[in-house]
Amino acid sequence: MPQEWPSAALPAGSRVVVVRDPSGDGPWREEFLGTIDGMGAPEPVEHPRARAGELAYWVAFDEPQYDGDGDGPYRKALIWDRYLRPGP
Protein backbone atom coordinates (compact mmCIF):
# COMPACT_ATOMS: atom_id res chain seq x y z
CA MET A 1 0.00 0.00 0.00
CA PRO A 2 1.47 3.39 -0.94
CA GLN A 3 2.52 5.58 1.98
CA GLU A 4 3.75 8.75 0.22
CA TRP A 5 0.89 11.25 0.50
CA PRO A 6 0.35 13.37 -2.66
CA SER A 7 0.76 17.08 -1.86
CA ALA A 8 -2.60 18.11 -3.38
CA ALA A 9 -4.58 15.30 -1.73
CA LEU A 10 -6.98 15.68 1.19
CA PRO A 11 -5.05 15.02 4.40
CA ALA A 12 -5.67 12.03 6.64
CA GLY A 13 -8.26 12.90 9.26
CA SER A 14 -10.32 15.10 6.90
CA ARG A 15 -14.06 14.74 7.36
CA VAL A 16 -15.94 13.92 4.16
CA VAL A 17 -19.41 13.14 2.89
CA VAL A 18 -19.54 10.09 0.63
CA VAL A 19 -22.06 10.92 -2.11
CA ARG A 20 -24.05 8.94 -4.63
CA ASP A 21 -23.35 9.12 -8.36
CA PRO A 22 -25.79 11.71 -9.77
CA SER A 23 -25.87 9.90 -13.13
CA GLY A 24 -26.83 6.48 -11.80
CA ASP A 25 -27.54 4.20 -8.91
CA GLY A 26 -24.62 3.85 -6.55
CA PRO A 27 -21.93 3.21 -5.77
CA TRP A 28 -23.47 3.49 -2.26
CA ARG A 29 -27.09 3.24 -1.17
CA GLU A 30 -27.08 6.63 0.55
CA GLU A 31 -24.89 9.60 1.40
CA PHE A 32 -22.99 9.30 4.68
CA LEU A 33 -20.14 10.73 6.75
CA GLY A 34 -16.63 9.39 7.04
CA THR A 35 -13.00 10.30 7.66
CA ILE A 36 -10.02 10.02 5.31
CA ASP A 37 -8.01 7.18 6.84
CA GLY A 38 -4.22 7.25 7.03
CA MET A 39 -3.73 3.47 6.59
CA GLY A 40 -2.58 4.09 3.03
CA ALA A 41 -1.95 7.16 0.92
CA PRO A 42 -4.44 8.12 -1.79
CA GLU A 43 -3.65 6.26 -4.99
CA PRO A 44 -4.31 7.00 -8.66
CA VAL A 45 -7.48 5.44 -10.05
CA GLU A 46 -6.52 3.19 -12.95
CA HIS A 47 -9.80 2.63 -14.75
CA PRO A 48 -11.00 3.65 -18.23
CA ARG A 49 -13.72 5.89 -16.72
CA ALA A 50 -11.38 7.64 -14.27
CA ARG A 51 -10.73 11.34 -14.67
CA ALA A 52 -7.18 12.50 -15.32
CA GLY A 53 -5.35 12.56 -11.99
CA GLU A 54 -8.27 11.09 -10.05
CA LEU A 55 -7.33 9.63 -6.67
CA ALA A 56 -8.94 6.98 -4.51
CA TYR A 57 -8.92 7.43 -0.73
CA TRP A 58 -9.35 5.00 2.13
CA VAL A 59 -12.40 6.29 4.01
CA ALA A 60 -13.48 5.02 7.44
CA PHE A 61 -17.26 5.30 7.83
CA ASP A 62 -18.99 6.74 10.89
CA GLU A 63 -21.52 3.90 10.66
CA PRO A 64 -21.41 0.63 8.66
CA GLN A 65 -22.75 1.07 5.10
CA TYR A 66 -24.14 -1.05 2.25
CA ASP A 67 -23.05 -0.51 -1.34
CA GLY A 68 -25.41 -0.01 -4.28
CA ASP A 69 -25.62 -3.77 -4.86
CA GLY A 70 -26.65 -4.38 -1.25
CA ASP A 71 -23.32 -5.90 -0.22
CA GLY A 72 -21.90 -5.08 3.18
CA PRO A 73 -22.03 -3.75 5.75
CA TYR A 74 -18.67 -2.07 5.24
CA ARG A 75 -16.81 0.03 7.80
CA LYS A 76 -14.11 1.30 5.41
CA ALA A 77 -13.57 1.37 1.64
CA LEU A 78 -11.32 2.75 -1.08
CA ILE A 79 -13.43 5.50 -2.69
CA TRP A 80 -12.79 7.59 -5.81
CA ASP A 81 -12.53 11.29 -5.07
CA ARG A 82 -15.49 12.13 -7.36
CA TYR A 83 -17.69 10.57 -4.67
CA LEU A 84 -16.26 12.68 -1.84
CA ARG A 85 -16.99 16.22 -0.75
CA PRO A 86 -15.70 18.08 2.31
CA GLY A 87 -17.70 17.23 5.40
CA PRO A 88 -18.97 19.24 8.32
C-alpha atoms as a PDB file:
ATOM      1  CA  MET A   1       0.000   0.000   0.000  1.00  0.00           C
ATOM      2  CA  PRO A   2       1.472   3.393  -0.940  1.00  0.00           C
ATOM      3  CA  GLN A   3       2.523   5.579   1.985  1.00  0.00           C
ATOM      4  CA  GLU A   4       3.745   8.747   0.219  1.00  0.00           C
ATOM      5  CA  TRP A   5       0.893  11.246   0.501  1.00  0.00           C
ATOM      6  CA  PRO A   6       0.346  13.372  -2.664  1.00  0.00           C
ATOM      7  CA  SER A   7       0.765  17.081  -1.857  1.00  0.00           C
ATOM      8  CA  ALA A   8      -2.596  18.115  -3.385  1.00  0.00           C
ATOM      9  CA  ALA A   9      -4.576  15.298  -1.726  1.00  0.00           C
ATOM     10  CA  LEU A  10      -6.977  15.682   1.188  1.00  0.00           C
ATOM     11  CA  PRO A  11      -5.050  15.020   4.397  1.00  0.00           C
ATOM     12  CA  ALA A  12      -5.665  12.034   6.641  1.00  0.00           C
ATOM     13  CA  GLY A  13      -8.264  12.901   9.257  1.00  0.00           C
ATOM     14  CA  SER A  14     -10.316  15.096   6.903  1.00  0.00           C
ATOM     15  CA  ARG A  15     -14.056  14.745   7.361  1.00  0.00           C
ATOM     16  CA  VAL A  16     -15.941  13.924   4.159  1.00  0.00           C
ATOM     17  CA  VAL A  17     -19.415  13.143   2.889  1.00  0.00           C
ATOM     18  CA  VAL A  18     -19.538  10.091   0.625  1.00  0.00           C
ATOM     19  CA  VAL A  19     -22.059  10.924  -2.105  1.00  0.00           C
ATOM     20  CA  ARG A  20     -24.046   8.943  -4.631  1.00  0.00           C
ATOM     21  CA  ASP A  21     -23.352   9.122  -8.360  1.00  0.00           C
ATOM     22  CA  PRO A  22     -25.787  11.708  -9.773  1.00  0.00           C
ATOM     23  CA  SER A  23     -25.873   9.901 -13.132  1.00  0.00           C
ATOM     24  CA  GLY A  24     -26.826   6.477 -11.803  1.00  0.00           C
ATOM     25  CA  ASP A  25     -27.540   4.197  -8.907  1.00  0.00           C
ATOM     26  CA  GLY A  26     -24.622   3.845  -6.546  1.00  0.00           C
ATOM     27  CA  PRO A  27     -21.925   3.212  -5.767  1.00  0.00           C
ATOM     28  CA  TRP A  28     -23.470   3.490  -2.263  1.00  0.00           C
ATOM     29  CA  ARG A  29     -27.088   3.243  -1.172  1.00  0.00           C
ATOM     30  CA  GLU A  30     -27.083   6.634   0.546  1.00  0.00           C
ATOM     31  CA  GLU A  31     -24.891   9.597   1.401  1.00  0.00           C
ATOM     32  CA  PHE A  32     -22.992   9.297   4.676  1.00  0.00           C
ATOM     33  CA  LEU A  33     -20.141  10.729   6.745  1.00  0.00           C
ATOM     34  CA  GLY A  34     -16.630   9.395   7.038  1.00  0.00           C
ATOM     35  CA  THR A  35     -12.999  10.296   7.659  1.00  0.00           C
ATOM     36  CA  ILE A  36     -10.017  10.025   5.312  1.00  0.00           C
ATOM     37  CA  ASP A  37      -8.007   7.178   6.837  1.00  0.00           C
ATOM     38  CA  GLY A  38      -4.215   7.249   7.030  1.00  0.00           C
ATOM     39  CA  MET A  39      -3.734   3.473   6.590  1.00  0.00           C
ATOM     40  CA  GLY A  40      -2.582   4.087   3.027  1.00  0.00           C
ATOM     41  CA  ALA A  41      -1.950   7.164   0.917  1.00  0.00           C
ATOM     42  CA  PRO A  42      -4.443   8.121  -1.786  1.00  0.00           C
ATOM     43  CA  GLU A  43      -3.648   6.262  -4.987  1.00  0.00           C
ATOM     44  CA  PRO A  44      -4.315   7.000  -8.664  1.00  0.00           C
ATOM     45  CA  VAL A  45      -7.481   5.436 -10.052  1.00  0.00           C
ATOM     46  CA  GLU A  46      -6.520   3.194 -12.950  1.00  0.00           C
ATOM     47  CA  HIS A  47      -9.799   2.633 -14.748  1.00  0.00           C
ATOM     48  CA  PRO A  48     -10.998   3.649 -18.226  1.00  0.00           C
ATOM     49  CA  ARG A  49     -13.716   5.891 -16.722  1.00  0.00           C
ATOM     50  CA  ALA A  50     -11.378   7.642 -14.272  1.00  0.00           C
ATOM     51  CA  ARG A  51     -10.733  11.343 -14.670  1.00  0.00           C
ATOM     52  CA  ALA A  52      -7.181  12.497 -15.321  1.00  0.00           C
ATOM     53  CA  GLY A  53      -5.347  12.564 -11.993  1.00  0.00           C
ATOM     54  CA  GLU A  54      -8.273  11.093 -10.052  1.00  0.00           C
ATOM     55  CA  LEU A  55      -7.333   9.631  -6.675  1.00  0.00           C
ATOM     56  CA  ALA A  56      -8.937   6.980  -4.506  1.00  0.00           C
ATOM     57  CA  TYR A  57      -8.917   7.426  -0.726  1.00  0.00           C
ATOM     58  CA  TRP A  58      -9.355   5.001   2.133  1.00  0.00           C
ATOM     59  CA  VAL A  59     -12.397   6.288   4.007  1.00  0.00           C
ATOM     60  CA  ALA A  60     -13.478   5.023   7.443  1.00  0.00           C
ATOM     61  CA  PHE A  61     -17.259   5.298   7.827  1.00  0.00           C
ATOM     62  CA  ASP A  62     -18.991   6.744  10.886  1.00  0.00           C
ATOM     63  CA  GLU A  63     -21.524   3.903  10.663  1.00  0.00           C
ATOM     64  CA  PRO A  64     -21.409   0.628   8.656  1.00  0.00           C
ATOM     65  CA  GLN A  65     -22.746   1.075   5.099  1.00  0.00           C
ATOM     66  CA  TYR A  66     -24.141  -1.047   2.250  1.00  0.00           C
ATOM     67  CA  ASP A  67     -23.051  -0.512  -1.338  1.00  0.00           C
ATOM     68  CA  GLY A  68     -25.414  -0.009  -4.280  1.00  0.00           C
ATOM     69  CA  ASP A  69     -25.620  -3.769  -4.862  1.00  0.00           C
ATOM     70  CA  GLY A  70     -26.653  -4.383  -1.251  1.00  0.00           C
ATOM     71  CA  ASP A  71     -23.321  -5.898  -0.225  1.00  0.00           C
ATOM     72  CA  GLY A  72     -21.895  -5.080   3.178  1.00  0.00           C
ATOM     73  CA  PRO A  73     -22.025  -3.749   5.749  1.00  0.00           C
ATOM     74  CA  TYR A  74     -18.666  -2.066   5.235  1.00  0.00           C
ATOM     75  CA  ARG A  75     -16.809   0.033   7.799  1.00  0.00           C
ATOM     76  CA  LYS A  76     -14.113   1.301   5.408  1.00  0.00           C
ATOM     77  CA  ALA A  77     -13.570   1.372   1.643  1.00  0.00           C
ATOM     78  CA  LEU A  78     -11.317   2.754  -1.085  1.00  0.00           C
ATOM     79  CA  ILE A  79     -13.429   5.501  -2.687  1.00  0.00           C
ATOM     80  CA  TRP A  80     -12.794   7.586  -5.806  1.00  0.00           C
ATOM     81  CA  ASP A  81     -12.527  11.292  -5.069  1.00  0.00           C
ATOM     82  CA  ARG A  82     -15.488  12.133  -7.355  1.00  0.00           C
ATOM     83  CA  TYR A  83     -17.688  10.566  -4.665  1.00  0.00           C
ATOM     84  CA  LEU A  84     -16.260  12.679  -1.840  1.00  0.00           C
ATOM     85  CA  ARG A  85     -16.990  16.223  -0.751  1.00  0.00           C
ATOM     86  CA  PRO A  86     -15.699  18.077   2.309  1.00  0.00           C
ATOM     87  CA  GLY A  87     -17.699  17.227   5.399  1.00  0.00           C
ATOM     88  CA  PRO A  88     -18.971  19.238   8.317  1.00  0.00           C
END
